Amino acid sequence: MTLARSAVLLLMLGLGLGALGEAMAQPSPWALEKCARYRQAWAEALLRFSNAPPSPGFRADHEAFLAADCKEARRACPESAADIALANAMTKAALNLGLSGSFLPFICRG
């Protein structure tokens, strides 16, 4: 194989991998649907728990997850009693909506 043919082959392979990477970066229709369902449940839960709102940090981290179409790193850590009650309600809602527990953005790292 000549050097020119090798270069063309490598270029084609690189372009193919680039297109594959772009396709993989696009969220699937199901991923978008899951996020839409979860976003609606979050809005309803905030209304339901309005007498005991979540802490500002928990809410901000959770809303960053939603703003990133539920692709943001899971980092919302429920710390207060209100945060924990809301996280428990969201866990139940997610499961009732057909979402897996691994979808949830809740994680606490010590």
Protein backbone atom coordinates (compact mmCIF):
# COMPACT_ATOMS: atom_id res chain seq x y z
CA MET A 1 0.00 0.00 0.00
CA THR A 2 1.36 3.39 -0.90
CA LEU A 3 1.80 6.21 1.55
CA ALA A 4 -0.95 8.20 -0.19
CA ARG A 5 -3.41 5.30 0.06
CA SER A 6 -2.55 4.84 3.73
CA ALA A 7 -3.18 8.50 4.38
CA VAL A 8 -6.55 8.37 2.59
CA LEU A 9 -7.52 5.25 4.53
CA LEU A 10 -6.59 6.86 7.84
CA LEU A 11 -8.50 10.02 6.91
CA MET A 12 -11.60 8.00 6.03
CA LEU A 13 -11.34 6.03 9.24
CA GLY A 14 -10.97 9.23 11.26
CA LEU A 15 -13.98 10.81 9.58
CA GLY A 16 -16.02 7.70 10.24
CA LEU A 17 -15.11 7.69 13.91
CA GLY A 18 -15.94 11.40 14.14
CA ALA A 19 -19.41 10.79 12.74
CA LEU A 20 -19.87 7.87 15.11
CA GLY A 21 -18.85 10.04 18.03
CA GLU A 22 -21.33 12.74 17.02
CA ALA A 23 -24.11 10.19 16.70
CA MET A 24 -23.30 8.78 20.12
CA ALA A 25 -23.30 12.28 21.65
CA GLN A 26 -26.90 12.87 20.56
CA PRO A 27 -29.40 11.79 23.21
CA SER A 28 -31.78 9.07 22.15
CA PRO A 29 -35.50 9.80 21.92
CA TRP A 30 -36.00 7.65 25.04
CA ALA A 31 -33.36 9.63 26.95
CA LEU A 32 -35.15 12.86 26.06
CA GLU A 33 -38.51 11.37 27.05
CA LYS A 34 -37.15 10.16 30.39
CA CYS A 35 -35.81 13.60 31.13
CA ALA A 36 -39.10 15.26 30.16
CA ARG A 37 -41.04 12.93 32.46
CA TYR A 38 -38.61 13.50 35.28
CA ARG A 39 -38.59 17.29 34.77
CA GLN A 40 -42.40 17.33 35.07
CA ALA A 41 -42.27 15.21 38.23
CA TRP A 42 -39.69 17.62 39.72
CA ALA A 43 -41.95 20.62 39.04
CA GLU A 44 -44.88 18.83 40.68
CA ALA A 45 -42.77 17.77 43.66
CA LEU A 46 -41.56 21.33 44.25
CA LEU A 47 -45.18 22.46 44.46
CA ARG A 48 -46.10 19.55 46.74
CA PHE A 49 -43.16 20.20 49.06
CA SER A 50 -43.41 24.01 48.96
CA ASN A 51 -43.90 24.19 52.74
CA ALA A 52 -40.49 22.51 53.23
CA PRO A 53 -38.38 23.57 50.23
CA PRO A 54 -35.03 21.95 49.46
CA SER A 55 -31.77 23.58 50.43
CA PRO A 56 -30.38 26.00 47.81
CA GLY A 57 -27.38 23.78 47.01
CA PHE A 58 -29.46 20.63 46.54
CA ARG A 59 -31.95 22.47 44.36
CA ALA A 60 -29.21 24.11 42.26
CA ASP A 61 -27.40 20.80 41.68
CA HIS A 62 -30.64 19.06 40.78
CA GLU A 63 -31.70 21.81 38.41
CA ALA A 64 -28.26 21.74 36.73
CA PHE A 65 -28.96 18.07 35.99
CA LEU A 66 -32.28 19.00 34.41
CA ALA A 67 -30.79 21.93 32.48
CA ALA A 68 -28.28 19.52 30.92
CA ASP A 69 -31.16 17.30 29.70
CA CYS A 70 -30.41 14.86 32.50
CA LYS A 71 -26.91 14.15 31.21
CA GLU A 72 -25.03 16.23 33.78
CA ALA A 73 -22.93 14.33 36.26
CA ARG A 74 -25.06 13.08 39.11
CA ARG A 75 -24.09 15.23 42.04
CA ALA A 76 -27.20 16.33 43.94
CA CYS A 77 -26.64 15.34 47.56
CA PRO A 78 -29.69 15.51 49.83
CA GLU A 79 -28.50 16.74 53.22
CA SER A 80 -31.40 18.34 55.08
CA ALA A 81 -34.59 16.58 56.12
CA ALA A 82 -36.44 18.49 53.38
CA ASP A 83 -33.85 17.41 50.79
CA ILE A 84 -34.17 13.78 51.83
CA ALA A 85 -37.98 13.87 51.73
CA LEU A 86 -37.88 15.40 48.25
CA ALA A 87 -35.25 12.91 47.03
CA ASN A 88 -37.37 10.03 48.35
CA ALA A 89 -40.44 11.39 46.57
CA MET A 90 -38.46 11.81 43.34
CA THR A 91 -37.14 8.27 43.60
CA LYS A 92 -40.68 6.92 43.88
CA ALA A 93 -41.89 9.16 41.06
CA ALA A 94 -39.02 8.08 38.80
CA LEU A 95 -39.76 4.40 39.36
CA ASN A 96 -43.48 4.99 38.76
CA LEU A 97 -42.59 6.75 35.50
CA GLY A 98 -40.64 3.74 34.26
CA LEU A 99 -37.21 5.21 34.94
CA SER A 100 -34.47 3.17 36.56
CA GLY A 101 -32.87 4.05 39.85
CA SER A 102 -29.58 4.63 38.06
CA PHE A 103 -31.19 7.58 36.24
CA LEU A 104 -31.49 9.60 39.43
CA PRO A 105 -29.00 12.44 40.04
CA PHE A 106 -28.54 11.76 43.75
CA ILE A 107 -25.09 11.01 45.06
CA CYS A 108 -23.15 12.03 48.15
CA ARG A 109 -19.41 11.81 48.22
CA GLY A 110 -17.60 12.14 51.49
